Structures are given as structure tokens and as C-alpha cells.
Amino acid sequence: MKKQSYIRFVVLCIILAVLIFGDQISKFAASAELKGKDKIIIWNGFLSFEYLENRGAAWGVFSGRIIFLTLLTIFFTLILFVIIIKIEKAIMFTNDKIKLFSVIQFLLVLLVAGALGNLVDRLRFGYVVDFIQFEFMDFPIFNIADCYVTVSALLLVVILLFFLKEEDIGKIKG
């Protein structure tokens, strides 16, 4: 890797660490302030904080299947890291699409941060701490890591559909 590329990779790793730390701090605070207590209404009829121990994945699917969810998370995280590295190689050998590729890398790091943030909970506690609840709709209680995953996945789909061309994907594949 070139020095510039190495620095970009280190920055992405620092961003990853900061995002995971932020998720873990929010879950620590939620546990300390909400566990065993009534929910806290932030905006009546819209947003509240309520402690929940989610023993599955999104919407509680695969409940109690910690080993499966752990292995799945590790598998997909490794794949995403390979893609991040392939994008870095594509950036090294092209002068166009650097901004787009950089955004994709950041979104993949955001996705990995969400996955690893919840993995940390599963490994430490056997469940994921959820605490954010939208009251205006029937939606599961979630956490910051879930926000990372949802926002990054949505933006990646938009980029794939509207901004990334087949030749760009070819550059990433190598």
C-alpha cells in the first residue's frame, strides 16, 4: 500500500473505533439510566427511550442463536473489510471516482461499526441493548449501532442504484 493509502486506511480504522465506542457508551448510559425503570419520553408521541434486551437480530429474529449471529457477523465483517481494501486499491490506480469510492468506504465502515457494536454486546452479555423507540409508528426498539447499519445500507443502495456504474464495480473487483 502507498503511504497515502495506508494513512486513509488508518483513518478509517480510527473512525471505526470511534463509532463502536460511541455505540457502546450510548448502551452503557441506556443501561445505567433505563434498566429496571420506566421509559423516558423525549418527545411525547414521537420518541422515547426504553431499555430492552434483544436476544436476537433485527426484530428479534434468530432469538437465542448467539453463536450463529456471531459467526454471521464475523463472516460479513471480513467480506466488508476485503471490499474496503479493494476500494482502496481502486482509488490508488484511478483519478476519477475517488470521492464516490471514499464515500462508499465510509459507509462500509459505518456498516461494520454497527455490526461490531452489536457483536460486542452479544459477546459480553448474550444480548444486544436496545433503547430508542419511535412511538409514532409500530417499530421495534433499536440502538445506535442499528442506526449505523440502517443508514449505511440505505445510502449504499442509493449509490449502487443511481451513482455507481458497472465499470466502477469492475475497478473495485480488480
N, C-alpha and C. Protein backbone atom coordinates (compact mmCIF):
# COMPACT_ATOMS: atom_id res chain seq x y z
N MET A 1 0.84 -1.19 0.00
CA MET A 1 0.00 0.00 0.00
C MET A 1 0.88 1.25 0.00
N LYS A 2 0.47 2.24 -0.73
CA LYS A 2 1.18 3.51 -0.71
C LYS A 2 0.95 4.19 0.63
N LYS A 3 1.84 5.12 0.98
CA LYS A 3 1.75 5.82 2.26
C LYS A 3 0.39 6.52 2.41
N GLN A 4 -0.04 7.19 1.35
CA GLN A 4 -1.31 7.90 1.37
C GLN A 4 -2.46 6.92 1.61
N SER A 5 -2.39 5.78 0.98
CA SER A 5 -3.40 4.75 1.14
C SER A 5 -3.39 4.18 2.55
N TYR A 6 -2.19 3.97 3.08
CA TYR A 6 -2.04 3.48 4.45
C TYR A 6 -2.67 4.46 5.43
N ILE A 7 -2.42 5.74 5.24
CA ILE A 7 -2.98 6.77 6.13
C ILE A 7 -4.51 6.76 6.05
N ARG A 8 -5.05 6.64 4.84
CA ARG A 8 -6.51 6.59 4.68
C ARG A 8 -7.08 5.38 5.41
N PHE A 9 -6.40 4.24 5.32
CA PHE A 9 -6.86 3.03 5.99
C PHE A 9 -6.82 3.20 7.51
N VAL A 10 -5.76 3.80 8.02
CA VAL A 10 -5.65 4.05 9.46
C VAL A 10 -6.77 4.99 9.92
N VAL A 11 -7.05 6.01 9.13
CA VAL A 11 -8.14 6.94 9.46
C VAL A 11 -9.48 6.20 9.49
N LEU A 12 -9.71 5.33 8.53
CA LEU A 12 -10.94 4.54 8.52
C LEU A 12 -11.03 3.65 9.76
N CYS A 13 -9.91 3.08 10.17
CA CYS A 13 -9.91 2.25 11.39
C CYS A 13 -10.18 3.08 12.64
N ILE A 14 -9.65 4.29 12.68
CA ILE A 14 -9.92 5.19 13.80
C ILE A 14 -11.40 5.56 13.83
N ILE A 15 -11.96 5.87 12.66
CA ILE A 15 -13.39 6.18 12.57
C ILE A 15 -14.21 4.99 13.07
N LEU A 16 -13.82 3.80 12.65
CA LEU A 16 -14.50 2.57 13.09
C LEU A 16 -14.47 2.46 14.61
N ALA A 17 -13.31 2.66 15.20
CA ALA A 17 -13.18 2.56 16.65
C ALA A 17 -14.03 3.60 17.37
N VAL A 18 -14.02 4.82 16.86
CA VAL A 18 -14.81 5.91 17.48
C VAL A 18 -16.31 5.59 17.39
N LEU A 19 -16.76 5.09 16.25
CA LEU A 19 -18.17 4.74 16.08
C LEU A 19 -18.59 3.62 17.04
N ILE A 20 -17.76 2.59 17.15
CA ILE A 20 -18.07 1.48 18.07
C ILE A 20 -18.08 1.99 19.51
N PHE A 21 -17.10 2.81 19.85
CA PHE A 21 -17.04 3.39 21.20
C PHE A 21 -18.29 4.22 21.49
N GLY A 22 -18.70 5.04 20.53
CA GLY A 22 -19.91 5.85 20.71
C GLY A 22 -21.14 4.99 20.93
N ASP A 23 -21.26 3.91 20.17
CA ASP A 23 -22.37 2.98 20.34
C ASP A 23 -22.33 2.36 21.73
N GLN A 24 -21.16 1.91 22.16
CA GLN A 24 -21.04 1.26 23.46
C GLN A 24 -21.32 2.23 24.60
N ILE A 25 -20.87 3.46 24.48
CA ILE A 25 -21.16 4.48 25.51
C ILE A 25 -22.66 4.72 25.60
N SER A 26 -23.33 4.80 24.44
CA SER A 26 -24.78 5.04 24.47
C SER A 26 -25.50 3.87 25.13
N LYS A 27 -25.05 2.66 24.89
CA LYS A 27 -25.68 1.48 25.50
C LYS A 27 -25.38 1.42 26.99
N PHE A 28 -24.18 1.81 27.38
CA PHE A 28 -23.83 1.87 28.81
C PHE A 28 -24.73 2.87 29.52
N ALA A 29 -24.89 4.05 28.92
CA ALA A 29 -25.75 5.08 29.51
C ALA A 29 -27.20 4.62 29.57
N ALA A 30 -27.66 3.97 28.50
CA ALA A 30 -29.04 3.47 28.48
C ALA A 30 -29.23 2.43 29.58
N SER A 31 -28.28 1.54 29.73
CA SER A 31 -28.39 0.52 30.78
C SER A 31 -28.41 1.15 32.16
N ALA A 32 -27.53 2.12 32.38
CA ALA A 32 -27.44 2.77 33.68
C ALA A 32 -28.69 3.57 34.02
N GLU A 33 -29.26 4.22 33.03
CA GLU A 33 -30.39 5.12 33.29
C GLU A 33 -31.77 4.48 33.10
N LEU A 34 -31.84 3.38 32.34
CA LEU A 34 -33.15 2.86 31.96
C LEU A 34 -33.46 1.46 32.49
N LYS A 35 -32.45 0.66 32.74
CA LYS A 35 -32.68 -0.73 33.13
C LYS A 35 -33.47 -0.79 34.44
N GLY A 36 -34.61 -1.49 34.37
CA GLY A 36 -35.47 -1.63 35.53
C GLY A 36 -36.30 -0.41 35.85
N LYS A 37 -36.33 0.56 34.94
CA LYS A 37 -37.07 1.81 35.17
C LYS A 37 -38.09 2.02 34.05
N ASP A 38 -38.99 2.96 34.28
CA ASP A 38 -39.97 3.33 33.25
C ASP A 38 -39.26 4.04 32.10
N LYS A 39 -39.90 3.97 30.94
CA LYS A 39 -39.31 4.64 29.79
C LYS A 39 -39.27 6.14 30.00
N ILE A 40 -38.36 6.78 29.30
CA ILE A 40 -38.21 8.23 29.35
C ILE A 40 -38.76 8.80 28.05
N ILE A 41 -39.75 9.64 28.16
CA ILE A 41 -40.35 10.25 26.97
C ILE A 41 -39.54 11.48 26.60
N ILE A 42 -39.01 11.46 25.41
CA ILE A 42 -38.22 12.57 24.90
C ILE A 42 -39.12 13.57 24.18
N TRP A 43 -39.98 13.05 23.32
CA TRP A 43 -40.91 13.87 22.56
C TRP A 43 -42.20 13.08 22.54
N ASN A 44 -43.17 13.53 23.30
CA ASN A 44 -44.41 12.80 23.52
C ASN A 44 -45.07 12.40 22.19
N GLY A 45 -45.35 11.12 22.08
CA GLY A 45 -45.98 10.60 20.88
C GLY A 45 -45.04 10.38 19.72
N PHE A 46 -43.75 10.70 19.91
CA PHE A 46 -42.79 10.56 18.81
C PHE A 46 -41.58 9.71 19.19
N LEU A 47 -40.88 10.09 20.26
CA LEU A 47 -39.62 9.43 20.61
C LEU A 47 -39.51 9.22 22.11
N SER A 48 -39.09 8.01 22.47
CA SER A 48 -38.83 7.72 23.88
C SER A 48 -37.64 6.77 23.98
N PHE A 49 -37.11 6.67 25.19
CA PHE A 49 -36.04 5.73 25.47
C PHE A 49 -36.58 4.69 26.44
N GLU A 50 -36.42 3.41 26.06
CA GLU A 50 -36.90 2.31 26.88
C GLU A 50 -35.91 1.15 26.77
N TYR A 51 -35.49 0.63 27.89
CA TYR A 51 -34.48 -0.44 27.92
C TYR A 51 -35.08 -1.76 27.44
N LEU A 52 -34.33 -2.44 26.56
CA LEU A 52 -34.75 -3.74 26.07
C LEU A 52 -33.52 -4.60 25.82
N GLU A 53 -33.57 -5.85 26.22
CA GLU A 53 -32.50 -6.81 25.94
C GLU A 53 -32.95 -7.67 24.77
N ASN A 54 -32.34 -7.43 23.61
CA ASN A 54 -32.69 -8.15 22.39
C ASN A 54 -31.76 -9.36 22.25
N ARG A 55 -32.30 -10.54 22.35
CA ARG A 55 -31.50 -11.76 22.30
C ARG A 55 -31.43 -12.35 20.89
N GLY A 56 -31.88 -11.56 19.90
CA GLY A 56 -31.81 -12.00 18.51
C GLY A 56 -31.19 -10.91 17.66
N ALA A 57 -31.55 -10.91 16.40
CA ALA A 57 -31.10 -9.86 15.47
C ALA A 57 -32.25 -8.86 15.32
N ALA A 58 -32.32 -8.19 14.21
CA ALA A 58 -33.38 -7.20 13.98
C ALA A 58 -34.75 -7.84 14.19
N TRP A 59 -35.60 -7.14 14.89
CA TRP A 59 -36.96 -7.59 15.20
C TRP A 59 -36.96 -8.90 16.00
N GLY A 60 -35.82 -9.22 16.62
CA GLY A 60 -35.73 -10.41 17.45
C GLY A 60 -35.60 -11.72 16.68
N VAL A 61 -35.39 -11.67 15.36
CA VAL A 61 -35.24 -12.91 14.60
C VAL A 61 -33.97 -13.63 15.07
N PHE A 62 -33.95 -14.93 14.95
CA PHE A 62 -32.86 -15.78 15.42
C PHE A 62 -32.60 -15.61 16.91
N SER A 63 -33.65 -15.37 17.66
CA SER A 63 -33.53 -15.17 19.09
C SER A 63 -32.84 -16.36 19.75
N GLY A 64 -31.84 -16.06 20.58
CA GLY A 64 -31.12 -17.09 21.31
C GLY A 64 -30.04 -17.79 20.51
N ARG A 65 -29.86 -17.42 19.26
CA ARG A 65 -28.87 -18.09 18.39
C ARG A 65 -27.58 -17.25 18.34
N ILE A 66 -26.96 -17.07 19.50
CA ILE A 66 -25.79 -16.19 19.62
C ILE A 66 -24.62 -16.67 18.77
N ILE A 67 -24.34 -17.96 18.79
CA ILE A 67 -23.20 -18.48 18.02
C ILE A 67 -23.43 -18.24 16.53
N PHE A 68 -24.62 -18.52 16.05
CA PHE A 68 -24.94 -18.30 14.64
C PHE A 68 -24.79 -16.82 14.29
N LEU A 69 -25.36 -15.93 15.11
CA LEU A 69 -25.28 -14.50 14.82
C LEU A 69 -23.85 -14.00 14.91
N THR A 70 -23.07 -14.53 15.83
CA THR A 70 -21.66 -14.15 15.96
C THR A 70 -20.88 -14.55 14.72
N LEU A 71 -21.03 -15.79 14.30
CA LEU A 71 -20.31 -16.27 13.11
C LEU A 71 -20.75 -15.51 11.86
N LEU A 72 -22.04 -15.25 11.74
CA LEU A 72 -22.56 -14.50 10.60
C LEU A 72 -21.97 -13.08 10.57
N THR A 73 -21.92 -12.44 11.72
CA THR A 73 -21.37 -11.09 11.82
C THR A 73 -19.89 -11.08 11.44
N ILE A 74 -19.14 -12.05 11.96
CA ILE A 74 -17.71 -12.13 11.64
C ILE A 74 -17.51 -12.36 10.15
N PHE A 75 -18.27 -13.26 9.57
CA PHE A 75 -18.18 -13.58 8.15
C PHE A 75 -18.43 -12.33 7.29
N PHE A 76 -19.54 -11.64 7.55
CA PHE A 76 -19.86 -10.47 6.73
C PHE A 76 -18.91 -9.31 7.00
N THR A 77 -18.41 -9.20 8.22
CA THR A 77 -17.44 -8.15 8.52
C THR A 77 -16.15 -8.37 7.74
N LEU A 78 -15.70 -9.61 7.67
CA LEU A 78 -14.49 -9.91 6.89
C LEU A 78 -14.70 -9.60 5.41
N ILE A 79 -15.86 -9.94 4.89
CA ILE A 79 -16.17 -9.63 3.48
C ILE A 79 -16.14 -8.11 3.26
N LEU A 80 -16.74 -7.36 4.19
CA LEU A 80 -16.76 -5.90 4.05
C LEU A 80 -15.36 -5.31 4.13
N PHE A 81 -14.51 -5.86 5.00
CA PHE A 81 -13.12 -5.38 5.06
C PHE A 81 -12.39 -5.65 3.76
N VAL A 82 -12.61 -6.79 3.16
CA VAL A 82 -12.00 -7.10 1.86
C VAL A 82 -12.46 -6.08 0.82
N ILE A 83 -13.74 -5.76 0.82
CA ILE A 83 -14.26 -4.77 -0.13
C ILE A 83 -13.65 -3.40 0.12
N ILE A 84 -13.52 -3.02 1.39
CA ILE A 84 -12.91 -1.73 1.74
C ILE A 84 -11.48 -1.67 1.20
N ILE A 85 -10.74 -2.75 1.35
CA ILE A 85 -9.35 -2.81 0.86
C ILE A 85 -9.32 -2.77 -0.67
N LYS A 86 -10.25 -3.49 -1.31
CA LYS A 86 -10.30 -3.47 -2.79
C LYS A 86 -10.64 -2.07 -3.29
N ILE A 87 -11.51 -1.37 -2.59
CA ILE A 87 -11.83 0.01 -2.97
C ILE A 87 -10.59 0.88 -2.83
N GLU A 88 -9.82 0.66 -1.77
CA GLU A 88 -8.59 1.43 -1.57
C GLU A 88 -7.63 1.19 -2.72
N LYS A 89 -7.51 -0.04 -3.17
CA LYS A 89 -6.65 -0.34 -4.32
C LYS A 89 -7.17 0.34 -5.58
N ALA A 90 -8.50 0.36 -5.74
CA ALA A 90 -9.09 1.04 -6.91
C ALA A 90 -8.79 2.54 -6.85
N ILE A 91 -8.83 3.11 -5.66
CA ILE A 91 -8.53 4.54 -5.50
C ILE A 91 -7.08 4.82 -5.89
N MET A 92 -6.17 3.90 -5.52
CA MET A 92 -4.74 4.09 -5.82
C MET A 92 -4.47 4.15 -7.31
N PHE A 93 -5.28 3.46 -8.10
CA PHE A 93 -5.00 3.34 -9.53
C PHE A 93 -5.98 4.09 -10.42
N THR A 94 -6.72 5.01 -9.85
CA THR A 94 -7.63 5.80 -10.66
C THR A 94 -7.65 7.24 -10.15
N ASN A 95 -7.91 8.15 -11.04
CA ASN A 95 -8.02 9.54 -10.65
C ASN A 95 -9.47 10.01 -10.60
N ASP A 96 -10.35 9.20 -11.17
CA ASP A 96 -11.76 9.56 -11.15
C ASP A 96 -12.49 8.72 -10.10
N LYS A 97 -13.60 9.18 -9.68
CA LYS A 97 -14.46 8.47 -8.72
C LYS A 97 -13.86 8.35 -7.32
N ILE A 98 -12.79 9.10 -7.02
CA ILE A 98 -12.16 8.99 -5.71
C ILE A 98 -13.14 9.40 -4.61
N LYS A 99 -13.89 10.47 -4.84
CA LYS A 99 -14.85 10.91 -3.82
C LYS A 99 -15.96 9.88 -3.62
N LEU A 100 -16.47 9.34 -4.71
CA LEU A 100 -17.52 8.33 -4.62
C LEU A 100 -17.01 7.08 -3.91
N PHE A 101 -15.82 6.63 -4.28
CA PHE A 101 -15.24 5.45 -3.64
C PHE A 101 -14.98 5.71 -2.15
N SER A 102 -14.56 6.91 -1.82
CA SER A 102 -14.31 7.26 -0.42
C SER A 102 -15.61 7.24 0.39
N VAL A 103 -16.68 7.74 -0.21
CA VAL A 103 -17.99 7.71 0.46
C VAL A 103 -18.43 6.26 0.67
N ILE A 104 -18.23 5.44 -0.33
CA ILE A 104 -18.60 4.02 -0.20
C ILE A 104 -17.79 3.37 0.92
N GLN A 105 -16.50 3.66 0.96
CA GLN A 105 -15.67 3.12 2.04
C GLN A 105 -16.19 3.54 3.41
N PHE A 106 -16.50 4.83 3.55
CA PHE A 106 -17.02 5.32 4.83
C PHE A 106 -18.32 4.61 5.20
N LEU A 107 -19.21 4.45 4.23
CA LEU A 107 -20.48 3.78 4.51
C LEU A 107 -20.26 2.32 4.89
N LEU A 108 -19.29 1.67 4.28
CA LEU A 108 -18.98 0.29 4.66
C LEU A 108 -18.41 0.24 6.08
N VAL A 109 -17.59 1.22 6.44
CA VAL A 109 -17.07 1.30 7.80
C VAL A 109 -18.22 1.53 8.78
N LEU A 110 -19.16 2.37 8.41
CA LEU A 110 -20.34 2.61 9.25
C LEU A 110 -21.14 1.32 9.44
N LEU A 111 -21.29 0.57 8.38
CA LEU A 111 -21.99 -0.71 8.43
C LEU A 111 -21.26 -1.70 9.35
N VAL A 112 -19.94 -1.78 9.20
CA VAL A 112 -19.13 -2.65 10.05
C VAL A 112 -19.22 -2.21 11.51
N ALA A 113 -19.18 -0.91 11.75
CA ALA A 113 -19.28 -0.40 13.12
C ALA A 113 -20.59 -0.82 13.78
N GLY A 114 -21.67 -0.76 13.02
CA GLY A 114 -22.96 -1.20 13.56
C GLY A 114 -22.96 -2.68 13.87
N ALA A 115 -22.43 -3.46 12.95
CA ALA A 115 -22.38 -4.91 13.15
C ALA A 115 -21.51 -5.26 14.36
N LEU A 116 -20.34 -4.64 14.45
CA LEU A 116 -19.43 -4.95 15.55
C LEU A 116 -19.92 -4.39 16.88
N GLY A 117 -20.61 -3.25 16.84
CA GLY A 117 -21.18 -2.69 18.07
C GLY A 117 -22.16 -3.66 18.70
N ASN A 118 -23.00 -4.25 17.88
CA ASN A 118 -23.96 -5.24 18.40
C ASN A 118 -23.27 -6.56 18.74
N LEU A 119 -22.22 -6.90 18.00
CA LEU A 119 -21.48 -8.12 18.31
C LEU A 119 -20.83 -8.02 19.69
N VAL A 120 -20.28 -6.86 20.00
CA VAL A 120 -19.68 -6.66 21.33
C VAL A 120 -20.71 -6.96 22.42
N ASP A 121 -21.92 -6.46 22.25
CA ASP A 121 -22.99 -6.74 23.23
C ASP A 121 -23.27 -8.24 23.33
N ARG A 122 -23.41 -8.88 22.19
CA ARG A 122 -23.72 -10.32 22.19
C ARG A 122 -22.65 -11.12 22.91
N LEU A 123 -21.40 -10.76 22.66
CA LEU A 123 -20.30 -11.49 23.29
C LEU A 123 -20.18 -11.18 24.78
N ARG A 124 -20.44 -9.94 25.17
CA ARG A 124 -20.33 -9.55 26.58
C ARG A 124 -21.52 -10.02 27.41
N PHE A 125 -22.72 -9.84 26.87
CA PHE A 125 -23.93 -10.04 27.68
C PHE A 125 -24.81 -11.20 27.23
N GLY A 126 -24.67 -11.63 25.97
CA GLY A 126 -25.57 -12.64 25.43
C GLY A 126 -26.83 -12.02 24.83
N TYR A 127 -26.86 -10.71 24.76
CA TYR A 127 -27.97 -9.96 24.17
C TYR A 127 -27.47 -8.59 23.73
N VAL A 128 -28.29 -7.90 22.94
CA VAL A 128 -27.97 -6.56 22.48
C VAL A 128 -28.87 -5.58 23.23
N VAL A 129 -28.26 -4.51 23.73
CA VAL A 129 -29.03 -3.47 24.42
C VAL A 129 -29.68 -2.56 23.39
N ASP A 130 -30.99 -2.49 23.43
CA ASP A 130 -31.77 -1.58 22.58
C ASP A 130 -32.46 -0.58 23.50
N PHE A 131 -32.66 0.64 23.01
CA PHE A 131 -33.27 1.64 23.89
C PHE A 131 -33.99 2.79 23.19
N ILE A 132 -33.91 2.90 21.89
CA ILE A 132 -34.55 4.01 21.17
C ILE A 132 -35.87 3.51 20.60
N GLN A 133 -36.93 4.26 20.86
CA GLN A 133 -38.25 3.83 20.39
C GLN A 133 -38.98 4.99 19.71
N PHE A 134 -39.38 4.74 18.46
CA PHE A 134 -40.27 5.69 17.79
C PHE A 134 -41.69 5.32 18.17
N GLU A 135 -42.37 6.24 18.80
CA GLU A 135 -43.72 5.95 19.29
C GLU A 135 -44.80 6.21 18.25
N PHE A 136 -44.48 6.97 17.22
CA PHE A 136 -45.50 7.35 16.24
C PHE A 136 -45.81 6.22 15.26
N MET A 137 -45.01 5.15 15.30
CA MET A 137 -45.27 4.01 14.44
C MET A 137 -44.91 2.74 15.19
N ASP A 138 -45.44 1.65 14.72
CA ASP A 138 -45.15 0.36 15.33
C ASP A 138 -43.81 -0.14 14.79
N PHE A 139 -42.74 0.22 15.48
CA PHE A 139 -41.39 -0.11 15.05
C PHE A 139 -40.62 -0.65 16.24
N PRO A 140 -39.80 -1.67 16.04
CA PRO A 140 -39.05 -2.24 17.16
C PRO A 140 -38.11 -1.23 17.82
N ILE A 141 -37.85 -1.45 19.09
CA ILE A 141 -36.87 -0.64 19.81
C ILE A 141 -35.49 -0.98 19.23
N PHE A 142 -34.63 0.03 19.08
CA PHE A 142 -33.34 -0.17 18.43
C PHE A 142 -32.25 0.60 19.16
N ASN A 143 -31.05 0.62 18.61
CA ASN A 143 -29.93 1.31 19.24
C ASN A 143 -29.10 2.06 18.20
N ILE A 144 -28.02 2.68 18.63
CA ILE A 144 -27.18 3.47 17.74
C ILE A 144 -26.54 2.59 16.65
N ALA A 145 -26.07 1.41 17.04
CA ALA A 145 -25.47 0.50 16.05
C ALA A 145 -26.47 0.15 14.96
N ASP A 146 -27.71 -0.04 15.34
CA ASP A 146 -28.75 -0.32 14.34
C ASP A 146 -28.92 0.87 13.39
N CYS A 147 -28.77 2.08 13.93
CA CYS A 147 -28.85 3.28 13.08
C CYS A 147 -27.70 3.29 12.07
N TYR A 148 -26.49 2.93 12.54
CA TYR A 148 -25.35 2.85 11.63
C TYR A 148 -25.66 1.91 10.47
N VAL A 149 -26.16 0.73 10.80
CA VAL A 149 -26.43 -0.29 9.79
C VAL A 149 -27.51 0.18 8.82
N THR A 150 -28.59 0.71 9.37
CA THR A 150 -29.72 1.12 8.54
C THR A 150 -29.36 2.27 7.61
N VAL A 151 -28.74 3.31 8.16
CA VAL A 151 -28.39 4.47 7.35
C VAL A 151 -27.37 4.10 6.28
N SER A 152 -26.34 3.35 6.67
CA SER A 152 -25.31 2.98 5.68
C SER A 152 -25.88 2.08 4.59
N ALA A 153 -26.70 1.12 4.98
CA ALA A 153 -27.28 0.21 3.98
C ALA A 153 -28.18 0.98 3.01
N LEU A 154 -29.00 1.87 3.53
CA LEU A 154 -29.88 2.67 2.67
C LEU A 154 -29.08 3.53 1.70
N LEU A 155 -28.05 4.21 2.20
CA LEU A 155 -27.25 5.07 1.33
C LEU A 155 -26.44 4.25 0.32
N LEU A 156 -25.97 3.07 0.72
CA LEU A 156 -25.26 2.21 -0.22
C LEU A 156 -26.18 1.75 -1.36
N VAL A 157 -27.41 1.45 -1.04
CA VAL A 157 -28.38 1.06 -2.08
C VAL A 157 -28.60 2.23 -3.04
N VAL A 158 -28.75 3.43 -2.51
CA VAL A 158 -28.93 4.61 -3.36
C VAL A 158 -27.72 4.79 -4.27
N ILE A 159 -26.53 4.67 -3.70
CA ILE A 159 -25.31 4.82 -4.51
C ILE A 159 -25.23 3.74 -5.58
N LEU A 160 -25.53 2.50 -5.20
CA LEU A 160 -25.48 1.41 -6.18
C LEU A 160 -26.48 1.61 -7.31
N LEU A 161 -27.65 2.11 -6.97
CA LEU A 161 -28.70 2.28 -7.98
C LEU A 161 -28.50 3.50 -8.87
N PHE A 162 -27.99 4.59 -8.30
CA PHE A 162 -28.00 5.85 -9.03
C PHE A 162 -26.64 6.46 -9.37
N PHE A 163 -25.59 6.02 -8.69
CA PHE A 163 -24.30 6.69 -8.90
C PHE A 163 -23.18 5.77 -9.38
N LEU A 164 -23.23 4.51 -9.03
CA LEU A 164 -22.17 3.58 -9.39
C LEU A 164 -22.49 2.93 -10.72
N LYS A 165 -21.52 2.93 -11.59
CA LYS A 165 -21.70 2.32 -12.90
C LYS A 165 -21.00 0.95 -12.91
N GLU A 166 -21.33 0.16 -13.89
CA GLU A 166 -20.76 -1.18 -13.98
C GLU A 166 -19.23 -1.14 -14.06
N GLU A 167 -18.70 -0.15 -14.78
CA GLU A 167 -17.24 -0.03 -14.88
C GLU A 167 -16.60 0.31 -13.53
N ASP A 168 -17.33 1.05 -12.68
CA ASP A 168 -16.84 1.37 -11.34
C ASP A 168 -16.74 0.10 -10.48
N ILE A 169 -17.74 -0.75 -10.62
CA ILE A 169 -17.73 -2.02 -9.89
C ILE A 169 -16.56 -2.88 -10.39
N GLY A 170 -16.30 -2.82 -11.68
CA GLY A 170 -15.16 -3.54 -12.25
C GLY A 170 -13.85 -3.06 -11.67
N LYS A 171 -13.71 -1.74 -11.44
CA LYS A 171 -12.50 -1.20 -10.83
C LYS A 171 -12.31 -1.72 -9.40
N ILE A 172 -13.42 -1.87 -8.71
CA ILE A 172 -13.36 -2.35 -7.32
C ILE A 172 -13.00 -3.84 -7.30
N LYS A 173 -13.59 -4.60 -8.22
CA LYS A 173 -13.30 -6.03 -8.27
C LYS A 173 -11.84 -6.29 -8.58
N GLY A 174 -11.26 -5.38 -9.37
CA GLY A 174 -9.83 -5.51 -9.69
C GLY A 174 -9.55 -6.26 -10.89
